[in-house]
Amino acid sequence: MNNIKINQTQEEIVLNLNVTAEAEDLIEELKEKLPKLRDFYQSSKIPMRITGKIFEEDEVNTIRKMIKDEIDIEVNFDDMSDLLGLHAIKKTFELETEITETKFVQNSLRSGQKEEYQGSVVVCGDVNAGAEIIAGGNIVITGSLRGVAHAGANGNVKTIISANTIEATQVRIANLVKEIPEKLEKSQICKIESNEIVIV
């Protein structure tokens, strides 16, 4: 198992976790690596930051307790905003998305509203200009897309964006951006083929 890379800066120890690994596997690997970390912390008290993977709240609590039981230090987790988006993608990967955790937004998104989720997002309505959806998985919009949609925002190139009509100026999937010159009708699907976003 090598899903956890440990790096040290002057300010902190960074545990960089493999985004595609299962949470249970990461927790098991962390258990194995804790003795080595404990040895390091005999002579240091710099905080630890965990990045690369978005965890559920109960998983965060489990990991934090596991570390605290062994080492008395401050443990920080990167926010979803730090881990999703073009700025956060260090490298892309392929992970099938037919079955993913999905968040349903049961209303349209107005200008200024932002929806972020580690899995897929379904919007039962429109995403208006000035609104933003950032998802680690797929994005499905039953109405019109006029705002910003970024699927695979953790780097997954297997994700799609689907909307009844697309009136946005661009769409984003993983680390790619496609300009949309004109309004697209009739349930368009945007996906990546041959390292570019295509609309089918």
N, C-alpha and C. Protein backbone atom coordinates (compact mmCIF):
# COMPACT_ATOMS: atom_id res chain seq x y z
N MET A 1 0.84 -1.20 0.00
CA MET A 1 0.00 0.00 0.00
C MET A 1 0.88 1.25 0.00
N ASN A 2 0.60 2.12 -0.94
CA ASN A 2 1.34 3.37 -0.97
C ASN A 2 0.41 4.51 -1.40
N ASN A 3 -0.69 4.64 -0.67
CA ASN A 3 -1.69 5.66 -0.99
C ASN A 3 -1.49 6.94 -0.19
N ILE A 4 -0.52 6.93 0.72
CA ILE A 4 -0.26 8.10 1.55
C ILE A 4 1.19 8.52 1.38
N LYS A 5 1.37 9.75 0.89
CA LYS A 5 2.73 10.29 0.78
C LYS A 5 2.92 11.34 1.88
N ILE A 6 4.05 11.26 2.58
CA ILE A 6 4.31 12.17 3.70
C ILE A 6 5.40 13.16 3.29
N ASN A 7 5.08 14.44 3.40
CA ASN A 7 6.03 15.50 3.08
C ASN A 7 6.15 16.44 4.27
N GLN A 8 7.31 17.06 4.39
CA GLN A 8 7.53 18.00 5.49
C GLN A 8 7.92 19.36 4.94
N THR A 9 7.26 20.41 5.47
CA THR A 9 7.69 21.77 5.19
C THR A 9 8.15 22.36 6.53
N GLN A 10 8.58 23.61 6.50
CA GLN A 10 8.99 24.24 7.76
C GLN A 10 7.82 24.43 8.71
N GLU A 11 6.61 24.59 8.13
CA GLU A 11 5.44 24.91 8.96
C GLU A 11 4.62 23.70 9.35
N GLU A 12 4.70 22.58 8.58
CA GLU A 12 3.78 21.48 8.84
C GLU A 12 4.27 20.18 8.20
N ILE A 13 3.64 19.08 8.67
CA ILE A 13 3.77 17.79 8.01
C ILE A 13 2.53 17.62 7.14
N VAL A 14 2.71 17.26 5.87
CA VAL A 14 1.57 17.11 4.95
C VAL A 14 1.42 15.63 4.58
N LEU A 15 0.23 15.09 4.84
CA LEU A 15 -0.11 13.75 4.40
C LEU A 15 -0.96 13.88 3.15
N ASN A 16 -0.39 13.52 2.00
CA ASN A 16 -1.08 13.64 0.73
C ASN A 16 -1.70 12.29 0.37
N LEU A 17 -3.03 12.22 0.38
CA LEU A 17 -3.73 10.95 0.20
C LEU A 17 -4.19 10.77 -1.24
N ASN A 18 -4.15 9.54 -1.71
CA ASN A 18 -4.58 9.20 -3.06
C ASN A 18 -6.10 9.39 -3.17
N VAL A 19 -6.53 10.28 -4.05
CA VAL A 19 -7.95 10.64 -4.17
C VAL A 19 -8.80 9.44 -4.59
N THR A 20 -8.23 8.46 -5.30
CA THR A 20 -9.02 7.33 -5.80
C THR A 20 -9.09 6.18 -4.80
N ALA A 21 -8.33 6.23 -3.72
CA ALA A 21 -8.32 5.13 -2.73
C ALA A 21 -9.56 5.20 -1.85
N GLU A 22 -10.01 4.03 -1.40
CA GLU A 22 -11.15 3.97 -0.49
C GLU A 22 -10.74 4.48 0.89
N ALA A 23 -11.69 5.12 1.58
CA ALA A 23 -11.40 5.68 2.90
C ALA A 23 -10.90 4.61 3.87
N GLU A 24 -11.53 3.42 3.82
CA GLU A 24 -11.12 2.34 4.75
C GLU A 24 -9.66 1.94 4.53
N ASP A 25 -9.26 1.87 3.25
CA ASP A 25 -7.87 1.50 2.94
C ASP A 25 -6.89 2.57 3.43
N LEU A 26 -7.28 3.84 3.27
CA LEU A 26 -6.42 4.93 3.73
C LEU A 26 -6.28 4.91 5.25
N ILE A 27 -7.36 4.64 5.94
CA ILE A 27 -7.31 4.58 7.41
C ILE A 27 -6.40 3.44 7.86
N GLU A 28 -6.50 2.29 7.20
CA GLU A 28 -5.63 1.15 7.55
C GLU A 28 -4.16 1.48 7.30
N GLU A 29 -3.88 2.12 6.16
CA GLU A 29 -2.49 2.47 5.84
C GLU A 29 -1.95 3.50 6.82
N LEU A 30 -2.81 4.44 7.21
CA LEU A 30 -2.39 5.45 8.18
C LEU A 30 -2.02 4.80 9.50
N LYS A 31 -2.80 3.80 9.91
CA LYS A 31 -2.49 3.06 11.15
C LYS A 31 -1.08 2.49 11.09
N GLU A 32 -0.72 1.95 9.92
CA GLU A 32 0.61 1.35 9.76
C GLU A 32 1.71 2.40 9.79
N LYS A 33 1.40 3.62 9.32
CA LYS A 33 2.43 4.66 9.23
C LYS A 33 2.54 5.50 10.50
N LEU A 34 1.59 5.35 11.41
CA LEU A 34 1.61 6.17 12.61
C LEU A 34 2.85 5.98 13.49
N PRO A 35 3.36 4.75 13.66
CA PRO A 35 4.57 4.60 14.49
C PRO A 35 5.75 5.43 13.98
N LYS A 36 5.94 5.46 12.65
CA LYS A 36 7.03 6.26 12.08
C LYS A 36 6.80 7.75 12.34
N LEU A 37 5.55 8.18 12.21
CA LEU A 37 5.21 9.58 12.48
C LEU A 37 5.41 9.90 13.96
N ARG A 38 5.05 8.97 14.81
CA ARG A 38 5.21 9.18 16.26
C ARG A 38 6.68 9.37 16.61
N ASP A 39 7.54 8.61 15.96
CA ASP A 39 8.99 8.75 16.20
C ASP A 39 9.46 10.15 15.81
N PHE A 40 8.96 10.64 14.67
CA PHE A 40 9.33 11.99 14.22
C PHE A 40 8.88 13.03 15.25
N TYR A 41 7.68 12.86 15.77
CA TYR A 41 7.12 13.87 16.67
C TYR A 41 7.70 13.84 18.08
N GLN A 42 8.64 12.93 18.34
CA GLN A 42 9.37 12.98 19.61
C GLN A 42 10.10 14.31 19.76
N SER A 43 10.54 14.85 18.61
CA SER A 43 11.36 16.07 18.66
C SER A 43 10.71 17.26 17.95
N SER A 44 9.41 17.14 17.62
CA SER A 44 8.75 18.23 16.91
C SER A 44 7.28 18.31 17.29
N LYS A 45 6.71 19.50 17.18
CA LYS A 45 5.28 19.68 17.48
C LYS A 45 4.57 20.45 16.36
N ILE A 46 5.17 20.47 15.14
CA ILE A 46 4.52 21.21 14.06
C ILE A 46 3.21 20.51 13.68
N PRO A 47 2.19 21.28 13.23
CA PRO A 47 0.90 20.66 12.93
C PRO A 47 0.96 19.74 11.72
N MET A 48 -0.08 18.92 11.60
CA MET A 48 -0.21 17.98 10.49
C MET A 48 -1.41 18.39 9.65
N ARG A 49 -1.22 18.37 8.31
CA ARG A 49 -2.33 18.68 7.40
C ARG A 49 -2.60 17.49 6.50
N ILE A 50 -3.87 17.14 6.37
CA ILE A 50 -4.26 16.01 5.54
C ILE A 50 -4.97 16.55 4.30
N THR A 51 -4.46 16.15 3.12
CA THR A 51 -4.98 16.70 1.87
C THR A 51 -5.14 15.60 0.82
N GLY A 52 -5.81 15.93 -0.28
CA GLY A 52 -5.92 15.01 -1.42
C GLY A 52 -7.20 14.22 -1.49
N LYS A 53 -7.87 14.02 -0.36
CA LYS A 53 -9.09 13.20 -0.32
C LYS A 53 -10.12 13.90 0.55
N ILE A 54 -11.37 13.90 0.09
CA ILE A 54 -12.45 14.48 0.87
C ILE A 54 -13.12 13.37 1.66
N PHE A 55 -13.21 13.56 2.98
CA PHE A 55 -13.80 12.56 3.86
C PHE A 55 -15.15 13.01 4.38
N GLU A 56 -15.99 12.03 4.73
CA GLU A 56 -17.22 12.32 5.47
C GLU A 56 -16.84 12.74 6.89
N GLU A 57 -17.78 13.40 7.57
CA GLU A 57 -17.48 13.93 8.91
C GLU A 57 -17.08 12.84 9.90
N ASP A 58 -17.76 11.68 9.83
CA ASP A 58 -17.41 10.60 10.77
C ASP A 58 -16.02 10.04 10.49
N GLU A 59 -15.63 10.03 9.20
CA GLU A 59 -14.28 9.56 8.85
C GLU A 59 -13.22 10.54 9.34
N VAL A 60 -13.51 11.84 9.21
CA VAL A 60 -12.60 12.87 9.73
C VAL A 60 -12.40 12.67 11.23
N ASN A 61 -13.49 12.44 11.95
CA ASN A 61 -13.41 12.25 13.41
C ASN A 61 -12.61 11.01 13.76
N THR A 62 -12.80 9.93 12.99
CA THR A 62 -12.06 8.68 13.22
C THR A 62 -10.56 8.90 13.04
N ILE A 63 -10.20 9.56 11.92
CA ILE A 63 -8.78 9.79 11.62
C ILE A 63 -8.16 10.72 12.66
N ARG A 64 -8.88 11.80 12.99
CA ARG A 64 -8.35 12.76 13.97
C ARG A 64 -8.10 12.07 15.32
N LYS A 65 -9.06 11.25 15.76
CA LYS A 65 -8.90 10.54 17.05
C LYS A 65 -7.75 9.55 16.99
N MET A 66 -7.64 8.84 15.87
CA MET A 66 -6.58 7.85 15.71
C MET A 66 -5.20 8.50 15.84
N ILE A 67 -5.04 9.67 15.21
CA ILE A 67 -3.76 10.39 15.28
C ILE A 67 -3.53 10.94 16.68
N LYS A 68 -4.58 11.56 17.25
CA LYS A 68 -4.45 12.18 18.58
C LYS A 68 -4.12 11.16 19.66
N ASP A 69 -4.63 9.93 19.50
CA ASP A 69 -4.34 8.87 20.48
C ASP A 69 -2.86 8.51 20.50
N GLU A 70 -2.20 8.73 19.35
CA GLU A 70 -0.79 8.39 19.24
C GLU A 70 0.14 9.60 19.42
N ILE A 71 -0.31 10.75 18.88
CA ILE A 71 0.55 11.95 18.84
C ILE A 71 -0.28 13.16 19.26
N ASP A 72 0.23 13.93 20.20
CA ASP A 72 -0.50 15.11 20.67
C ASP A 72 -0.13 16.33 19.83
N ILE A 73 -0.82 16.46 18.67
CA ILE A 73 -0.54 17.59 17.76
C ILE A 73 -1.85 18.08 17.14
N GLU A 74 -1.76 19.25 16.51
CA GLU A 74 -2.90 19.81 15.78
C GLU A 74 -3.02 19.10 14.44
N VAL A 75 -4.25 18.63 14.11
CA VAL A 75 -4.48 17.93 12.86
C VAL A 75 -5.52 18.71 12.05
N ASN A 76 -5.14 19.12 10.82
CA ASN A 76 -6.03 19.91 9.97
C ASN A 76 -6.35 19.14 8.69
N PHE A 77 -7.56 19.34 8.18
CA PHE A 77 -7.99 18.73 6.93
C PHE A 77 -8.29 19.84 5.92
N ASP A 78 -7.85 19.67 4.67
CA ASP A 78 -8.19 20.65 3.65
C ASP A 78 -9.69 20.67 3.40
N ASP A 79 -10.25 21.86 3.15
CA ASP A 79 -11.67 22.01 2.85
C ASP A 79 -11.96 21.52 1.44
N MET A 80 -13.25 21.29 1.18
CA MET A 80 -13.68 20.88 -0.16
C MET A 80 -13.26 21.92 -1.21
N SER A 81 -13.33 23.21 -0.83
CA SER A 81 -12.95 24.28 -1.77
C SER A 81 -11.48 24.19 -2.16
N ASP A 82 -10.64 23.66 -1.25
CA ASP A 82 -9.21 23.52 -1.53
C ASP A 82 -8.94 22.34 -2.46
N LEU A 83 -9.86 21.35 -2.46
CA LEU A 83 -9.60 20.09 -3.15
C LEU A 83 -10.36 19.93 -4.46
N LEU A 84 -11.35 20.80 -4.71
CA LEU A 84 -12.11 20.73 -5.96
C LEU A 84 -11.89 22.00 -6.77
N GLY A 85 -11.68 21.84 -8.08
CA GLY A 85 -11.52 23.00 -8.95
C GLY A 85 -10.24 22.91 -9.77
N LEU A 86 -10.15 23.74 -10.80
CA LEU A 86 -8.96 23.73 -11.67
C LEU A 86 -7.68 23.95 -10.88
N HIS A 87 -7.75 24.82 -9.86
CA HIS A 87 -6.55 25.14 -9.07
C HIS A 87 -6.04 23.93 -8.28
N ALA A 88 -6.94 22.97 -8.00
CA ALA A 88 -6.59 21.86 -7.11
C ALA A 88 -6.08 20.63 -7.85
N ILE A 89 -6.28 20.57 -9.17
CA ILE A 89 -5.94 19.35 -9.92
C ILE A 89 -4.45 19.31 -10.23
N LYS A 90 -3.76 18.38 -9.58
CA LYS A 90 -2.33 18.20 -9.84
C LYS A 90 -2.13 17.21 -10.99
N LYS A 91 -2.98 16.17 -11.03
CA LYS A 91 -2.94 15.22 -12.13
C LYS A 91 -4.34 14.62 -12.29
N THR A 92 -4.63 14.16 -13.50
CA THR A 92 -5.95 13.59 -13.76
C THR A 92 -5.92 12.08 -13.57
N PHE A 93 -7.12 11.49 -13.49
CA PHE A 93 -7.23 10.03 -13.34
C PHE A 93 -8.54 9.59 -13.96
N GLU A 94 -8.69 8.26 -14.14
CA GLU A 94 -9.93 7.70 -14.69
C GLU A 94 -10.60 6.83 -13.63
N LEU A 95 -11.82 7.21 -13.26
CA LEU A 95 -12.60 6.44 -12.30
C LEU A 95 -14.03 6.42 -12.79
N GLU A 96 -14.57 5.21 -13.06
CA GLU A 96 -15.92 5.11 -13.61
C GLU A 96 -16.93 5.77 -12.68
N THR A 97 -17.95 6.40 -13.27
CA THR A 97 -18.89 7.20 -12.47
C THR A 97 -20.35 6.80 -12.69
N GLU A 98 -20.59 5.57 -13.18
CA GLU A 98 -21.98 5.14 -13.34
C GLU A 98 -22.69 5.09 -12.00
N ILE A 99 -21.97 4.70 -10.95
CA ILE A 99 -22.54 4.66 -9.60
C ILE A 99 -21.67 5.54 -8.71
N THR A 100 -22.25 6.65 -8.25
CA THR A 100 -21.52 7.55 -7.35
C THR A 100 -22.48 8.09 -6.31
N GLU A 101 -21.92 8.58 -5.21
CA GLU A 101 -22.74 9.31 -4.25
C GLU A 101 -23.26 10.56 -4.94
N THR A 102 -24.54 10.84 -4.76
CA THR A 102 -25.17 11.94 -5.49
C THR A 102 -25.93 12.86 -4.55
N LYS A 103 -25.77 14.16 -4.77
CA LYS A 103 -26.51 15.17 -4.02
C LYS A 103 -27.58 15.76 -4.94
N PHE A 104 -28.82 15.79 -4.47
CA PHE A 104 -29.91 16.37 -5.24
C PHE A 104 -30.21 17.78 -4.72
N VAL A 105 -30.16 18.75 -5.62
CA VAL A 105 -30.52 20.13 -5.29
C VAL A 105 -31.92 20.36 -5.86
N GLN A 106 -32.90 20.53 -4.98
CA GLN A 106 -34.29 20.52 -5.42
C GLN A 106 -34.83 21.92 -5.75
N ASN A 107 -33.99 22.74 -6.31
CA ASN A 107 -34.41 24.08 -6.75
C ASN A 107 -33.36 24.62 -7.71
N SER A 108 -33.72 25.68 -8.41
CA SER A 108 -32.75 26.35 -9.30
C SER A 108 -31.72 27.10 -8.47
N LEU A 109 -30.53 27.29 -9.04
CA LEU A 109 -29.49 28.07 -8.39
C LEU A 109 -29.48 29.48 -8.98
N ARG A 110 -29.56 30.48 -8.11
CA ARG A 110 -29.57 31.87 -8.54
C ARG A 110 -28.14 32.42 -8.58
N SER A 111 -27.99 33.57 -9.19
CA SER A 111 -26.69 34.25 -9.25
C SER A 111 -26.12 34.42 -7.85
N GLY A 112 -24.83 34.07 -7.69
CA GLY A 112 -24.17 34.19 -6.39
C GLY A 112 -24.19 32.91 -5.58
N GLN A 113 -25.04 31.95 -5.97
CA GLN A 113 -25.09 30.68 -5.23
C GLN A 113 -24.04 29.71 -5.77
N LYS A 114 -23.49 28.92 -4.85
CA LYS A 114 -22.44 27.96 -5.22
C LYS A 114 -22.73 26.63 -4.56
N GLU A 115 -22.65 25.55 -5.33
CA GLU A 115 -22.87 24.20 -4.82
C GLU A 115 -21.62 23.39 -5.06
N GLU A 116 -21.02 22.87 -3.98
CA GLU A 116 -19.82 22.02 -4.08
C GLU A 116 -20.11 20.68 -3.46
N TYR A 117 -19.68 19.61 -4.13
CA TYR A 117 -19.90 18.26 -3.56
C TYR A 117 -18.84 17.32 -4.11
N GLN A 118 -18.40 16.38 -3.26
CA GLN A 118 -17.35 15.46 -3.67
C GLN A 118 -17.83 14.42 -4.67
N GLY A 119 -19.15 14.11 -4.67
CA GLY A 119 -19.71 13.15 -5.61
C GLY A 119 -20.37 13.85 -6.77
N SER A 120 -21.48 13.27 -7.25
CA SER A 120 -22.22 13.86 -8.36
C SER A 120 -23.31 14.80 -7.83
N VAL A 121 -23.74 15.73 -8.69
CA VAL A 121 -24.78 16.69 -8.32
C VAL A 121 -25.88 16.68 -9.38
N VAL A 122 -27.13 16.57 -8.93
CA VAL A 122 -28.29 16.71 -9.81
C VAL A 122 -29.05 17.95 -9.37
N VAL A 123 -29.26 18.87 -10.30
CA VAL A 123 -30.03 20.09 -10.01
C VAL A 123 -31.40 19.96 -10.67
N CYS A 124 -32.45 19.97 -9.84
CA CYS A 124 -33.82 19.89 -10.36
C CYS A 124 -34.30 21.31 -10.67
N GLY A 125 -33.78 21.86 -11.76
CA GLY A 125 -34.09 23.24 -12.12
C GLY A 125 -32.97 23.80 -12.97
N ASP A 126 -32.81 25.12 -12.93
CA ASP A 126 -31.80 25.80 -13.74
C ASP A 126 -30.57 26.16 -12.89
N VAL A 127 -29.44 26.32 -13.57
CA VAL A 127 -28.26 26.94 -12.96
C VAL A 127 -28.07 28.27 -13.68
N ASN A 128 -28.47 29.34 -13.03
CA ASN A 128 -28.52 30.65 -13.69
C ASN A 128 -27.15 31.30 -13.78
N ALA A 129 -27.04 32.30 -14.63
CA ALA A 129 -25.78 33.04 -14.80
C ALA A 129 -25.35 33.59 -13.44
N GLY A 130 -24.05 33.43 -13.14
CA GLY A 130 -23.52 33.88 -11.86
C GLY A 130 -23.57 32.81 -10.78
N ALA A 131 -24.23 31.68 -11.05
CA ALA A 131 -24.24 30.54 -10.11
C ALA A 131 -23.15 29.55 -10.53
N GLU A 132 -22.78 28.66 -9.60
CA GLU A 132 -21.64 27.77 -9.84
C GLU A 132 -21.89 26.41 -9.21
N ILE A 133 -21.58 25.35 -9.96
CA ILE A 133 -21.59 23.98 -9.43
C ILE A 133 -20.22 23.38 -9.65
N ILE A 134 -19.65 22.86 -8.57
CA ILE A 134 -18.35 22.18 -8.65
C ILE A 134 -18.53 20.80 -8.03
N ALA A 135 -18.29 19.76 -8.82
CA ALA A 135 -18.53 18.38 -8.35
C ALA A 135 -17.34 17.49 -8.66
N GLY A 136 -17.04 16.57 -7.75
CA GLY A 136 -16.01 15.57 -8.03
C GLY A 136 -16.51 14.55 -9.04
N GLY A 137 -17.84 14.36 -9.11
CA GLY A 137 -18.45 13.41 -10.04
C GLY A 137 -19.14 14.11 -11.19
N ASN A 138 -20.28 13.54 -11.61
CA ASN A 138 -21.04 14.07 -12.74
C ASN A 138 -21.91 15.25 -12.30
N ILE A 139 -22.34 16.04 -13.29
CA ILE A 139 -23.32 17.11 -13.05
C ILE A 139 -24.47 16.91 -14.03
N VAL A 140 -25.69 16.83 -13.49
CA VAL A 140 -26.89 16.69 -14.31
C VAL A 140 -27.84 17.82 -13.94
N ILE A 141 -28.30 18.57 -14.94
CA ILE A 141 -29.18 19.71 -14.71
C ILE A 141 -30.44 19.48 -15.53
N THR A 142 -31.60 19.43 -14.86
CA THR A 142 -32.85 19.14 -15.57
C THR A 142 -33.33 20.33 -16.40
N GLY A 143 -32.87 21.52 -16.05
CA GLY A 143 -33.24 22.73 -16.77
C GLY A 143 -32.09 23.25 -17.61
N SER A 144 -31.88 24.56 -17.55
CA SER A 144 -30.84 25.21 -18.36
C SER A 144 -29.57 25.48 -17.54
N LEU A 145 -28.43 25.29 -18.19
CA LEU A 145 -27.14 25.67 -17.60
C LEU A 145 -26.73 27.01 -18.20
N ARG A 146 -26.72 28.04 -17.34
CA ARG A 146 -26.27 29.37 -17.78
C ARG A 146 -25.04 29.82 -16.98
N GLY A 147 -24.79 29.15 -15.85
CA GLY A 147 -23.67 29.52 -15.00
C GLY A 147 -22.47 28.62 -15.23
N VAL A 148 -21.65 28.47 -14.21
CA VAL A 148 -20.42 27.66 -14.29
C VAL A 148 -20.69 26.25 -13.80
N ALA A 149 -20.29 25.25 -14.58
CA ALA A 149 -20.38 23.84 -14.17
C ALA A 149 -19.00 23.20 -14.36
N HIS A 150 -18.49 22.59 -13.28
CA HIS A 150 -17.18 21.92 -13.34
C HIS A 150 -17.34 20.51 -12.77
N ALA A 151 -17.41 19.52 -13.66
CA ALA A 151 -17.48 18.11 -13.26
C ALA A 151 -16.07 17.53 -13.18
N GLY A 152 -15.91 16.45 -12.40
CA GLY A 152 -14.58 15.86 -12.26
C GLY A 152 -13.58 16.85 -11.71
N ALA A 153 -14.05 17.68 -10.78
CA ALA A 153 -13.22 18.79 -10.29
C ALA A 153 -12.09 18.34 -9.37
N ASN A 154 -12.00 17.03 -9.13
CA ASN A 154 -10.85 16.47 -8.43
C ASN A 154 -9.87 15.82 -9.41
N GLY A 155 -10.17 15.92 -10.72
CA GLY A 155 -9.27 15.38 -11.74
C GLY A 155 -9.80 14.19 -12.51
N ASN A 156 -11.03 13.74 -12.20
CA ASN A 156 -11.57 12.55 -12.85
C ASN A 156 -12.07 12.87 -14.26
N VAL A 157 -11.41 12.29 -15.27
CA VAL A 157 -11.75 12.57 -16.67
C VAL A 157 -12.91 11.72 -17.19
N LYS A 158 -13.46 10.83 -16.36
CA LYS A 158 -14.57 9.97 -16.78
C LYS A 158 -15.93 10.59 -16.48
N THR A 159 -15.96 11.81 -15.97
CA THR A 159 -17.22 12.43 -15.58
C THR A 159 -17.87 13.15 -16.76
N ILE A 160 -19.17 13.48 -16.59
CA ILE A 160 -19.92 14.16 -17.65
C ILE A 160 -20.69 15.35 -17.07
N ILE A 161 -21.10 16.24 -17.97
CA ILE A 161 -22.06 17.30 -17.66
C ILE A 161 -23.22 17.14 -18.62
N SER A 162 -24.44 17.09 -18.07
CA SER A 162 -25.63 16.98 -18.90
C SER A 162 -26.63 18.05 -18.48
N ALA A 163 -27.24 18.72 -19.46
CA ALA A 163 -28.27 19.72 -19.17
C ALA A 163 -29.30 19.71 -20.28
N ASN A 164 -30.52 20.14 -19.95
CA ASN A 164 -31.58 20.20 -20.96
C ASN A 164 -31.21 21.19 -22.06
N THR A 165 -30.72 22.37 -21.66
CA THR A 165 -30.13 23.31 -22.62
C THR A 165 -28.88 23.91 -21.99
N ILE A 166 -27.91 24.25 -22.81
CA ILE A 166 -26.67 24.87 -22.31
C ILE A 166 -26.56 26.25 -22.93
N GLU A 167 -26.61 27.26 -22.07
CA GLU A 167 -26.46 28.65 -22.51
C GLU A 167 -25.22 29.28 -21.89
N ALA A 168 -24.40 28.46 -21.21
CA ALA A 168 -23.17 28.97 -20.59
C ALA A 168 -22.13 29.25 -21.66
N THR A 169 -21.13 30.07 -21.31
CA THR A 169 -20.06 30.38 -22.27
C THR A 169 -18.98 29.32 -22.28
N GLN A 170 -18.93 28.49 -21.21
CA GLN A 170 -17.94 27.42 -21.15
C GLN A 170 -18.40 26.33 -20.19
N VAL A 171 -17.83 25.13 -20.35
CA VAL A 171 -17.99 24.04 -19.38
C VAL A 171 -16.60 23.53 -19.02
N ARG A 172 -16.51 22.92 -17.83
CA ARG A 172 -15.22 22.41 -17.35
C ARG A 172 -15.38 20.97 -16.91
N ILE A 173 -14.48 20.11 -17.38
CA ILE A 173 -14.42 18.72 -16.91
C ILE A 173 -12.97 18.41 -16.60
N ALA A 174 -12.74 17.94 -15.38
CA ALA A 174 -11.37 17.68 -14.90
C ALA A 174 -10.52 18.93 -15.12
N ASN A 175 -9.39 18.80 -15.83
CA ASN A 175 -8.50 19.95 -16.03
C ASN A 175 -8.72 20.64 -17.38
N LEU A 176 -9.83 20.32 -18.06
CA LEU A 176 -10.09 20.87 -19.39
C LEU A 176 -11.25 21.88 -19.35
N VAL A 177 -11.19 22.86 -20.24
CA VAL A 177 -12.23 23.88 -20.37
C VAL A 177 -12.64 23.95 -21.83
N LYS A 178 -13.96 23.98 -22.09
CA LYS A 178 -14.44 24.12 -23.48
C LYS A 178 -15.31 25.37 -23.59
N GLU A 179 -14.97 26.22 -24.54
CA GLU A 179 -15.79 27.40 -24.82
C GLU A 179 -17.05 26.97 -25.58
N ILE A 180 -18.18 27.57 -25.24
CA ILE A 180 -19.46 27.28 -25.90
C ILE A 180 -19.90 28.54 -26.65
N PRO A 181 -19.78 28.57 -27.98
CA PRO A 181 -20.05 29.81 -28.72
C PRO A 181 -21.53 30.16 -28.85
N GLU A 182 -22.42 29.14 -28.76
CA GLU A 182 -23.84 29.42 -28.97
C GLU A 182 -24.68 28.49 -28.10
N LYS A 183 -25.94 28.85 -27.92
CA LYS A 183 -26.87 28.07 -27.10
C LYS A 183 -27.04 26.66 -27.68
N LEU A 184 -27.00 25.65 -26.78
CA LEU A 184 -27.18 24.26 -27.19
C LEU A 184 -28.49 23.74 -26.63
N GLU A 185 -29.33 23.15 -27.50
CA GLU A 185 -30.64 22.65 -27.08
C GLU A 185 -30.62 21.12 -26.99
N LYS A 186 -31.71 20.58 -26.47
CA LYS A 186 -32.01 19.13 -26.53
C LYS A 186 -31.04 18.26 -25.77
N SER A 187 -31.03 18.37 -24.47
CA SER A 187 -30.34 17.44 -23.57
C SER A 187 -28.93 17.07 -24.04
N GLN A 188 -28.05 18.01 -24.00
CA GLN A 188 -26.66 17.79 -24.43
C GLN A 188 -25.87 17.09 -23.32
N ILE A 189 -24.91 16.27 -23.74
CA ILE A 189 -23.98 15.64 -22.79
C ILE A 189 -22.56 16.06 -23.17
N CYS A 190 -21.84 16.60 -22.21
CA CYS A 190 -20.44 16.98 -22.41
C CYS A 190 -19.56 15.94 -21.73
N LYS A 191 -18.56 15.44 -22.44
CA LYS A 191 -17.64 14.46 -21.87
C LYS A 191 -16.28 14.60 -22.54
N ILE A 192 -15.30 13.90 -21.99
CA ILE A 192 -13.95 13.97 -22.54
C ILE A 192 -13.68 12.79 -23.46
N GLU A 193 -13.22 13.10 -24.66
CA GLU A 193 -12.74 12.08 -25.61
C GLU A 193 -11.45 12.58 -26.22
N SER A 194 -10.43 11.73 -26.28
CA SER A 194 -9.14 12.10 -26.87
C SER A 194 -8.60 13.41 -26.31
N ASN A 195 -8.70 13.55 -24.99
CA ASN A 195 -8.15 14.68 -24.26
C ASN A 195 -8.77 16.02 -24.64
N GLU A 196 -10.04 16.01 -25.07
CA GLU A 196 -10.76 17.26 -25.24
C GLU A 196 -12.24 17.04 -24.91
N ILE A 197 -12.90 18.12 -24.50
CA ILE A 197 -14.33 18.03 -24.18
C ILE A 197 -15.13 18.03 -25.47
N VAL A 198 -15.99 17.03 -25.63
CA VAL A 198 -16.88 16.97 -26.80
C VAL A 198 -18.32 17.03 -26.31
N ILE A 199 -19.21 17.46 -27.19
CA ILE A 199 -20.63 17.59 -26.85
C ILE A 199 -21.41 16.66 -27.78
N VAL A 200 -22.15 15.72 -27.18
CA VAL A 200 -22.85 14.69 -27.99
C VAL A 200 -24.34 14.72 -27.70
